[in-house]
Amino acid sequence: MSASRTARRIAATTLAAGAVLSAVALPASAHDNDRDRARHHEQSRVEISDVQANSPGFDNGTNRSVNAEWVEITNNGRRSVDLDGWTLRDSDGDRYRFRDVRLAGRATVRIHTGVGRDTRTDLFQGRRTYVWDNRSDTATLRDDRGRVIDTESWGRGHHHR
């Protein structure tokens, strides 16, 4: 066999081996991407499900009135989601950070603006004044990496659900 024919066979074998390795590696990385997408999809099932920005009655600044302003977060997924480090923010940058909160699957938690005792269904920001603008505002929920999970806007051309 000539040297050039041997060199061509070696080159062809090397290329074939490279193609096989690429084909084997592709599903592994695709699998990792699927896992990342599934994890994000599970988180994306957490949403701002309702907002009561305008406390019913006269805004008299009492803790009861301030706590009647709230945002509900719902986990529509089957698995619980660790909300530790997640944030809820208004348009002015007022921020509430979730600490040691795990939201069960198919569960809702209401985040009140005022002072109170946290439970599985109600959390309290501990503020003495209103946060959410009655006429126009945006609630933004971000995960612990700062990615926007959901937003809810009302007023100025936005429809409040």
N, C-alpha and C. Protein backbone atom coordinates (compact mmCIF):
# COMPACT_ATOMS: atom_id res chain seq x y z
N MET A 1 0.84 -1.16 0.00
CA MET A 1 0.00 0.00 0.00
C MET A 1 0.89 1.23 0.00
N SER A 2 0.53 2.22 -0.79
CA SER A 2 1.36 3.42 -0.88
C SER A 2 1.16 4.29 0.35
N ALA A 3 2.14 5.16 0.59
CA ALA A 3 2.11 6.04 1.76
C ALA A 3 0.94 7.01 1.66
N SER A 4 0.62 7.49 0.45
CA SER A 4 -0.46 8.46 0.32
C SER A 4 -1.81 7.79 0.57
N ARG A 5 -1.96 6.51 0.13
CA ARG A 5 -3.21 5.81 0.37
C ARG A 5 -3.38 5.56 1.88
N THR A 6 -2.31 5.21 2.57
CA THR A 6 -2.35 4.98 4.02
C THR A 6 -2.71 6.28 4.72
N ALA A 7 -2.11 7.37 4.30
CA ALA A 7 -2.41 8.67 4.90
C ALA A 7 -3.88 9.03 4.71
N ARG A 8 -4.43 8.74 3.52
CA ARG A 8 -5.85 9.02 3.26
C ARG A 8 -6.75 8.17 4.16
N ARG A 9 -6.37 6.89 4.33
CA ARG A 9 -7.18 6.02 5.20
C ARG A 9 -7.14 6.49 6.65
N ILE A 10 -5.97 6.90 7.11
CA ILE A 10 -5.85 7.40 8.49
C ILE A 10 -6.69 8.67 8.65
N ALA A 11 -6.61 9.54 7.66
CA ALA A 11 -7.39 10.77 7.72
C ALA A 11 -8.89 10.47 7.71
N ALA A 12 -9.31 9.54 6.87
CA ALA A 12 -10.73 9.16 6.81
C ALA A 12 -11.18 8.54 8.12
N THR A 13 -10.34 7.68 8.71
CA THR A 13 -10.67 7.05 9.98
C THR A 13 -10.78 8.09 11.09
N THR A 14 -9.86 9.04 11.11
CA THR A 14 -9.88 10.11 12.11
C THR A 14 -11.15 10.95 11.97
N LEU A 15 -11.49 11.31 10.74
CA LEU A 15 -12.71 12.09 10.51
C LEU A 15 -13.95 11.33 10.95
N ALA A 16 -13.99 10.04 10.64
CA ALA A 16 -15.13 9.21 11.02
C ALA A 16 -15.24 9.12 12.54
N ALA A 17 -14.10 8.94 13.21
CA ALA A 17 -14.10 8.87 14.68
C ALA A 17 -14.57 10.18 15.27
N GLY A 18 -14.13 11.28 14.69
CA GLY A 18 -14.57 12.60 15.16
C GLY A 18 -16.07 12.79 14.99
N ALA A 19 -16.61 12.32 13.89
CA ALA A 19 -18.06 12.43 13.64
C ALA A 19 -18.83 11.60 14.66
N VAL A 20 -18.34 10.40 14.97
CA VAL A 20 -19.01 9.54 15.96
C VAL A 20 -18.97 10.20 17.32
N LEU A 21 -17.82 10.73 17.72
CA LEU A 21 -17.72 11.40 19.02
C LEU A 21 -18.64 12.61 19.08
N SER A 22 -18.73 13.37 18.03
CA SER A 22 -19.63 14.53 17.99
C SER A 22 -21.07 14.09 18.15
N ALA A 23 -21.45 13.02 17.49
CA ALA A 23 -22.83 12.52 17.58
C ALA A 23 -23.14 12.04 18.98
N VAL A 24 -22.16 11.43 19.65
CA VAL A 24 -22.37 10.95 21.02
C VAL A 24 -22.42 12.13 21.98
N ALA A 25 -21.61 13.14 21.79
CA ALA A 25 -21.57 14.29 22.69
C ALA A 25 -22.80 15.17 22.55
N LEU A 26 -23.38 15.25 21.39
CA LEU A 26 -24.53 16.12 21.15
C LEU A 26 -25.72 15.76 22.02
N PRO A 27 -26.13 14.51 22.08
CA PRO A 27 -27.27 14.21 22.95
C PRO A 27 -26.99 14.54 24.42
N ALA A 28 -25.76 14.38 24.89
CA ALA A 28 -25.46 14.69 26.29
C ALA A 28 -25.66 16.17 26.55
N SER A 29 -25.16 17.03 25.67
CA SER A 29 -25.35 18.46 25.88
C SER A 29 -26.80 18.84 25.66
N ALA A 30 -27.47 18.20 24.72
CA ALA A 30 -28.89 18.48 24.52
C ALA A 30 -29.67 18.07 25.75
N HIS A 31 -29.27 16.95 26.37
CA HIS A 31 -29.93 16.50 27.59
C HIS A 31 -29.76 17.53 28.70
N ASP A 32 -28.53 18.09 28.84
CA ASP A 32 -28.29 19.13 29.84
C ASP A 32 -29.17 20.34 29.58
N ASN A 33 -29.29 20.73 28.31
CA ASN A 33 -30.14 21.87 27.98
C ASN A 33 -31.59 21.56 28.30
N ASP A 34 -32.04 20.33 28.04
CA ASP A 34 -33.41 19.94 28.37
C ASP A 34 -33.64 20.05 29.87
N ARG A 35 -32.65 19.60 30.65
CA ARG A 35 -32.76 19.67 32.10
C ARG A 35 -32.85 21.13 32.55
N ASP A 36 -32.00 22.01 31.97
CA ASP A 36 -32.05 23.43 32.31
C ASP A 36 -33.39 24.03 31.94
N ARG A 37 -33.89 23.68 30.75
CA ARG A 37 -35.20 24.18 30.32
C ARG A 37 -36.30 23.69 31.25
N ALA A 38 -36.23 22.43 31.65
CA ALA A 38 -37.24 21.88 32.55
C ALA A 38 -37.20 22.60 33.89
N ARG A 39 -36.00 22.87 34.39
CA ARG A 39 -35.87 23.59 35.66
C ARG A 39 -36.45 25.00 35.52
N HIS A 40 -36.12 25.69 34.42
CA HIS A 40 -36.66 27.03 34.20
C HIS A 40 -38.17 26.97 34.01
N HIS A 41 -38.65 25.93 33.30
CA HIS A 41 -40.08 25.78 33.08
C HIS A 41 -40.80 25.60 34.41
N GLU A 42 -40.20 24.83 35.31
CA GLU A 42 -40.81 24.64 36.63
C GLU A 42 -40.88 25.98 37.35
N GLN A 43 -39.79 26.77 37.29
CA GLN A 43 -39.81 28.08 37.93
C GLN A 43 -40.79 29.01 37.23
N SER A 44 -40.91 28.89 35.92
CA SER A 44 -41.80 29.79 35.21
C SER A 44 -43.26 29.49 35.52
N ARG A 45 -43.52 28.40 36.21
CA ARG A 45 -44.87 28.10 36.64
C ARG A 45 -45.22 28.91 37.88
N VAL A 46 -44.25 29.63 38.46
CA VAL A 46 -44.50 30.54 39.56
C VAL A 46 -44.86 31.88 38.92
N GLU A 47 -45.96 32.45 39.38
CA GLU A 47 -46.41 33.70 38.76
C GLU A 47 -47.08 34.61 39.77
N ILE A 48 -47.16 35.87 39.39
CA ILE A 48 -47.96 36.84 40.14
C ILE A 48 -49.39 36.58 39.72
N SER A 49 -50.19 36.06 40.63
CA SER A 49 -51.54 35.63 40.28
C SER A 49 -52.61 36.68 40.56
N ASP A 50 -52.34 37.62 41.47
CA ASP A 50 -53.32 38.67 41.77
C ASP A 50 -52.62 39.79 42.52
N VAL A 51 -53.19 40.99 42.38
CA VAL A 51 -52.66 42.17 43.08
C VAL A 51 -53.84 42.97 43.60
N GLN A 52 -53.72 43.40 44.83
CA GLN A 52 -54.67 44.40 45.36
C GLN A 52 -53.82 45.59 45.76
N ALA A 53 -53.66 46.52 44.82
CA ALA A 53 -52.80 47.68 45.03
C ALA A 53 -53.52 48.77 45.81
N ASN A 54 -54.83 48.83 45.67
CA ASN A 54 -55.62 49.86 46.32
C ASN A 54 -56.33 49.25 47.52
N SER A 55 -55.83 49.57 48.69
CA SER A 55 -56.43 49.07 49.92
C SER A 55 -57.89 49.52 49.97
N PRO A 56 -58.82 48.58 50.23
CA PRO A 56 -60.24 48.97 50.27
C PRO A 56 -60.50 50.02 51.35
N GLY A 57 -61.42 50.91 51.06
CA GLY A 57 -61.76 51.96 52.03
C GLY A 57 -60.79 53.12 51.96
N PHE A 58 -60.81 53.92 52.98
CA PHE A 58 -59.98 55.12 53.06
C PHE A 58 -58.55 54.72 53.42
N ASP A 59 -57.58 55.26 52.68
CA ASP A 59 -56.16 55.00 52.98
C ASP A 59 -55.76 55.83 54.19
N ASN A 60 -55.98 55.27 55.39
CA ASN A 60 -55.71 56.02 56.61
C ASN A 60 -54.33 55.72 57.21
N GLY A 61 -53.56 54.84 56.58
CA GLY A 61 -52.20 54.56 57.02
C GLY A 61 -52.07 53.63 58.20
N THR A 62 -53.19 53.06 58.68
CA THR A 62 -53.10 52.09 59.77
C THR A 62 -52.49 50.81 59.24
N ASN A 63 -51.96 50.00 60.13
CA ASN A 63 -51.36 48.73 59.72
C ASN A 63 -52.40 47.85 59.01
N ARG A 64 -53.62 47.88 59.50
CA ARG A 64 -54.69 47.11 58.86
C ARG A 64 -54.91 47.55 57.42
N SER A 65 -54.91 48.86 57.20
CA SER A 65 -55.09 49.41 55.85
C SER A 65 -53.89 49.10 54.96
N VAL A 66 -52.68 49.24 55.50
CA VAL A 66 -51.47 48.95 54.72
C VAL A 66 -51.42 47.47 54.36
N ASN A 67 -51.85 46.59 55.27
CA ASN A 67 -51.85 45.15 54.99
C ASN A 67 -52.94 44.72 54.01
N ALA A 68 -53.91 45.58 53.77
CA ALA A 68 -54.95 45.26 52.79
C ALA A 68 -54.45 45.50 51.37
N GLU A 69 -53.22 45.95 51.24
CA GLU A 69 -52.52 46.08 49.97
C GLU A 69 -51.60 44.86 49.90
N TRP A 70 -51.72 44.05 48.82
CA TRP A 70 -50.96 42.81 48.74
C TRP A 70 -50.76 42.36 47.30
N VAL A 71 -49.84 41.40 47.16
CA VAL A 71 -49.57 40.72 45.89
C VAL A 71 -49.59 39.23 46.18
N GLU A 72 -50.26 38.47 45.32
CA GLU A 72 -50.28 37.02 45.47
C GLU A 72 -49.34 36.37 44.47
N ILE A 73 -48.58 35.39 44.97
CA ILE A 73 -47.67 34.59 44.15
C ILE A 73 -48.19 33.16 44.18
N THR A 74 -48.36 32.55 43.00
CA THR A 74 -48.87 31.19 42.91
C THR A 74 -47.87 30.29 42.22
N ASN A 75 -47.71 29.09 42.78
CA ASN A 75 -46.90 28.05 42.16
C ASN A 75 -47.88 27.09 41.48
N ASN A 76 -47.97 27.16 40.16
CA ASN A 76 -48.86 26.29 39.41
C ASN A 76 -48.27 24.92 39.13
N GLY A 77 -47.01 24.74 39.49
CA GLY A 77 -46.35 23.45 39.28
C GLY A 77 -46.71 22.47 40.38
N ARG A 78 -46.33 21.22 40.17
CA ARG A 78 -46.61 20.18 41.16
C ARG A 78 -45.57 20.15 42.28
N ARG A 79 -44.34 20.56 41.96
CA ARG A 79 -43.27 20.52 42.96
C ARG A 79 -43.14 21.85 43.68
N SER A 80 -42.67 21.78 44.92
CA SER A 80 -42.45 23.02 45.67
C SER A 80 -41.28 23.78 45.06
N VAL A 81 -41.26 25.09 45.29
CA VAL A 81 -40.20 25.95 44.76
C VAL A 81 -39.62 26.73 45.94
N ASP A 82 -38.30 26.74 46.03
CA ASP A 82 -37.60 27.49 47.06
C ASP A 82 -37.51 28.94 46.60
N LEU A 83 -38.18 29.84 47.31
CA LEU A 83 -38.20 31.26 46.94
C LEU A 83 -37.12 32.06 47.68
N ASP A 84 -36.27 31.39 48.44
CA ASP A 84 -35.23 32.08 49.20
C ASP A 84 -34.38 32.93 48.26
N GLY A 85 -34.28 34.22 48.54
CA GLY A 85 -33.49 35.13 47.72
C GLY A 85 -34.25 35.75 46.57
N TRP A 86 -35.46 35.29 46.29
CA TRP A 86 -36.28 35.90 45.25
C TRP A 86 -36.72 37.28 45.73
N THR A 87 -37.07 38.15 44.79
CA THR A 87 -37.52 39.49 45.16
C THR A 87 -38.82 39.86 44.46
N LEU A 88 -39.55 40.75 45.11
CA LEU A 88 -40.76 41.36 44.57
C LEU A 88 -40.53 42.86 44.64
N ARG A 89 -40.66 43.54 43.50
CA ARG A 89 -40.31 44.95 43.42
C ARG A 89 -41.42 45.76 42.76
N ASP A 90 -41.54 47.02 43.16
CA ASP A 90 -42.46 47.94 42.48
C ASP A 90 -41.66 48.82 41.51
N SER A 91 -42.35 49.69 40.79
CA SER A 91 -41.70 50.56 39.79
C SER A 91 -40.70 51.53 40.40
N ASP A 92 -40.92 51.91 41.66
CA ASP A 92 -40.02 52.85 42.33
C ASP A 92 -38.78 52.18 42.90
N GLY A 93 -38.70 50.86 42.81
CA GLY A 93 -37.53 50.15 43.31
C GLY A 93 -37.68 49.63 44.73
N ASP A 94 -38.86 49.82 45.35
CA ASP A 94 -39.09 49.24 46.67
C ASP A 94 -39.06 47.73 46.52
N ARG A 95 -38.28 47.07 47.37
CA ARG A 95 -38.04 45.64 47.19
C ARG A 95 -38.35 44.85 48.45
N TYR A 96 -38.97 43.71 48.24
CA TYR A 96 -39.16 42.73 49.31
C TYR A 96 -38.38 41.49 48.91
N ARG A 97 -37.53 40.99 49.83
CA ARG A 97 -36.74 39.79 49.55
C ARG A 97 -37.31 38.63 50.37
N PHE A 98 -37.59 37.52 49.66
CA PHE A 98 -38.09 36.32 50.31
C PHE A 98 -36.95 35.66 51.08
N ARG A 99 -37.21 35.28 52.31
CA ARG A 99 -36.21 34.62 53.15
C ARG A 99 -36.82 33.34 53.72
N ASP A 100 -36.13 32.24 53.50
CA ASP A 100 -36.57 30.94 54.03
C ASP A 100 -38.02 30.63 53.69
N VAL A 101 -38.38 30.81 52.42
CA VAL A 101 -39.75 30.55 51.98
C VAL A 101 -39.74 29.45 50.93
N ARG A 102 -40.51 28.41 51.18
CA ARG A 102 -40.70 27.35 50.20
C ARG A 102 -42.19 27.34 49.87
N LEU A 103 -42.50 27.54 48.59
CA LEU A 103 -43.89 27.57 48.15
C LEU A 103 -44.26 26.19 47.60
N ALA A 104 -45.18 25.54 48.27
CA ALA A 104 -45.60 24.19 47.89
C ALA A 104 -46.19 24.19 46.49
N GLY A 105 -46.22 23.02 45.88
CA GLY A 105 -46.86 22.88 44.58
C GLY A 105 -48.34 23.21 44.66
N ARG A 106 -48.83 23.89 43.64
CA ARG A 106 -50.24 24.27 43.55
C ARG A 106 -50.68 25.11 44.76
N ALA A 107 -49.77 25.96 45.26
CA ALA A 107 -50.08 26.79 46.43
C ALA A 107 -49.90 28.27 46.09
N THR A 108 -50.52 29.10 46.92
CA THR A 108 -50.45 30.56 46.76
C THR A 108 -50.05 31.19 48.08
N VAL A 109 -49.22 32.21 48.00
CA VAL A 109 -48.87 32.98 49.19
C VAL A 109 -49.18 34.45 48.88
N ARG A 110 -49.71 35.15 49.88
CA ARG A 110 -50.06 36.56 49.74
C ARG A 110 -49.02 37.38 50.50
N ILE A 111 -48.39 38.34 49.81
CA ILE A 111 -47.38 39.19 50.42
C ILE A 111 -48.03 40.53 50.73
N HIS A 112 -48.27 40.76 52.02
CA HIS A 112 -48.88 42.01 52.50
C HIS A 112 -47.79 43.06 52.67
N THR A 113 -48.16 44.32 52.54
CA THR A 113 -47.19 45.39 52.65
C THR A 113 -46.81 45.68 54.09
N GLY A 114 -47.74 45.60 55.00
CA GLY A 114 -47.52 46.01 56.39
C GLY A 114 -46.80 45.01 57.26
N VAL A 115 -47.05 45.16 58.56
CA VAL A 115 -46.40 44.36 59.60
C VAL A 115 -47.34 43.23 60.02
N GLY A 116 -46.78 42.05 60.23
CA GLY A 116 -47.57 40.91 60.69
C GLY A 116 -46.68 39.70 60.90
N ARG A 117 -47.30 38.59 61.23
CA ARG A 117 -46.57 37.35 61.48
C ARG A 117 -46.69 36.45 60.26
N ASP A 118 -45.54 36.06 59.69
CA ASP A 118 -45.53 35.21 58.50
C ASP A 118 -46.13 33.84 58.77
N THR A 119 -46.91 33.36 57.80
CA THR A 119 -47.46 32.01 57.83
C THR A 119 -47.18 31.36 56.48
N ARG A 120 -47.69 30.15 56.26
CA ARG A 120 -47.52 29.50 54.95
C ARG A 120 -48.27 30.23 53.85
N THR A 121 -49.35 30.92 54.20
CA THR A 121 -50.20 31.56 53.20
C THR A 121 -50.09 33.08 53.17
N ASP A 122 -49.48 33.66 54.18
CA ASP A 122 -49.36 35.12 54.26
C ASP A 122 -47.97 35.52 54.74
N LEU A 123 -47.34 36.41 53.97
CA LEU A 123 -46.04 36.97 54.33
C LEU A 123 -46.21 38.47 54.47
N PHE A 124 -45.34 39.10 55.27
CA PHE A 124 -45.46 40.53 55.54
C PHE A 124 -44.13 41.22 55.29
N GLN A 125 -44.20 42.34 54.55
CA GLN A 125 -43.00 43.09 54.21
C GLN A 125 -42.46 43.87 55.41
N GLY A 126 -43.33 44.18 56.36
CA GLY A 126 -42.89 44.91 57.55
C GLY A 126 -42.80 46.40 57.34
N ARG A 127 -43.54 46.92 56.39
CA ARG A 127 -43.51 48.36 56.10
C ARG A 127 -44.63 49.09 56.86
N ARG A 128 -44.41 50.35 57.10
CA ARG A 128 -45.41 51.17 57.79
C ARG A 128 -46.19 52.07 56.82
N THR A 129 -45.77 52.06 55.54
CA THR A 129 -46.45 52.88 54.53
C THR A 129 -46.76 52.04 53.30
N TYR A 130 -47.67 52.53 52.48
CA TYR A 130 -48.09 51.84 51.26
C TYR A 130 -46.93 51.78 50.27
N VAL A 131 -46.89 50.72 49.47
CA VAL A 131 -45.85 50.55 48.44
C VAL A 131 -46.46 50.69 47.05
N TRP A 132 -47.56 50.00 46.81
CA TRP A 132 -48.12 49.91 45.47
C TRP A 132 -48.95 51.14 45.15
N ASP A 133 -48.67 51.74 43.98
CA ASP A 133 -49.42 52.91 43.52
C ASP A 133 -50.79 52.45 43.05
N ASN A 134 -51.83 53.09 43.58
CA ASN A 134 -53.20 52.71 43.23
C ASN A 134 -53.51 52.88 41.74
N ARG A 135 -52.96 53.93 41.14
CA ARG A 135 -53.32 54.26 39.76
C ARG A 135 -52.48 53.55 38.71
N SER A 136 -51.19 53.39 38.98
CA SER A 136 -50.30 52.80 37.97
C SER A 136 -49.03 52.31 38.63
N ASP A 137 -48.71 51.05 38.40
CA ASP A 137 -47.49 50.48 38.97
C ASP A 137 -47.21 49.16 38.27
N THR A 138 -46.06 48.58 38.57
CA THR A 138 -45.69 47.27 38.05
C THR A 138 -45.06 46.48 39.18
N ALA A 139 -45.56 45.27 39.39
CA ALA A 139 -44.96 44.33 40.33
C ALA A 139 -44.08 43.39 39.52
N THR A 140 -42.82 43.25 39.93
CA THR A 140 -41.88 42.38 39.23
C THR A 140 -41.34 41.34 40.20
N LEU A 141 -41.50 40.08 39.81
CA LEU A 141 -40.98 38.96 40.60
C LEU A 141 -39.73 38.44 39.91
N ARG A 142 -38.62 38.39 40.67
CA ARG A 142 -37.34 37.89 40.14
C ARG A 142 -36.87 36.72 40.99
N ASP A 143 -36.18 35.77 40.35
CA ASP A 143 -35.64 34.65 41.10
C ASP A 143 -34.34 35.06 41.78
N ASP A 144 -33.69 34.12 42.46
CA ASP A 144 -32.48 34.42 43.22
C ASP A 144 -31.28 34.75 42.34
N ARG A 145 -31.40 34.58 41.04
CA ARG A 145 -30.34 34.97 40.10
C ARG A 145 -30.65 36.29 39.40
N GLY A 146 -31.78 36.90 39.76
CA GLY A 146 -32.14 38.19 39.18
C GLY A 146 -32.94 38.09 37.90
N ARG A 147 -33.28 36.87 37.47
CA ARG A 147 -34.08 36.71 36.25
C ARG A 147 -35.54 37.04 36.52
N VAL A 148 -36.15 37.78 35.61
CA VAL A 148 -37.56 38.12 35.75
C VAL A 148 -38.39 36.85 35.54
N ILE A 149 -39.21 36.52 36.53
CA ILE A 149 -40.09 35.36 36.46
C ILE A 149 -41.47 35.79 35.97
N ASP A 150 -41.95 36.94 36.48
CA ASP A 150 -43.27 37.44 36.06
C ASP A 150 -43.38 38.91 36.42
N THR A 151 -44.23 39.60 35.68
CA THR A 151 -44.57 40.99 36.00
C THR A 151 -46.07 41.16 35.88
N GLU A 152 -46.58 42.09 36.64
CA GLU A 152 -48.00 42.46 36.56
C GLU A 152 -48.06 43.97 36.63
N SER A 153 -48.67 44.58 35.61
CA SER A 153 -48.77 46.04 35.54
C SER A 153 -50.23 46.45 35.53
N TRP A 154 -50.50 47.65 36.03
CA TRP A 154 -51.86 48.19 35.99
C TRP A 154 -51.78 49.70 35.80
N GLY A 155 -52.88 50.27 35.29
CA GLY A 155 -52.93 51.70 35.01
C GLY A 155 -52.21 52.06 33.74
N ARG A 156 -52.33 53.30 33.32
CA ARG A 156 -51.66 53.85 32.13
C ARG A 156 -51.60 52.87 30.97
N GLY A 157 -52.72 52.40 30.54
CA GLY A 157 -52.78 51.51 29.38
C GLY A 157 -52.58 50.04 29.71
N HIS A 158 -52.28 49.73 30.95
CA HIS A 158 -52.12 48.33 31.36
C HIS A 158 -53.42 47.85 31.96
N HIS A 159 -53.76 46.62 31.66
CA HIS A 159 -54.97 46.01 32.22
C HIS A 159 -54.59 45.22 33.46
N HIS A 160 -55.23 45.50 34.55
CA HIS A 160 -55.00 44.76 35.79
C HIS A 160 -55.94 43.57 35.82
N ARG A 161 -55.39 42.36 35.99
CA ARG A 161 -56.27 41.19 35.99
C ARG A 161 -56.98 41.07 37.31
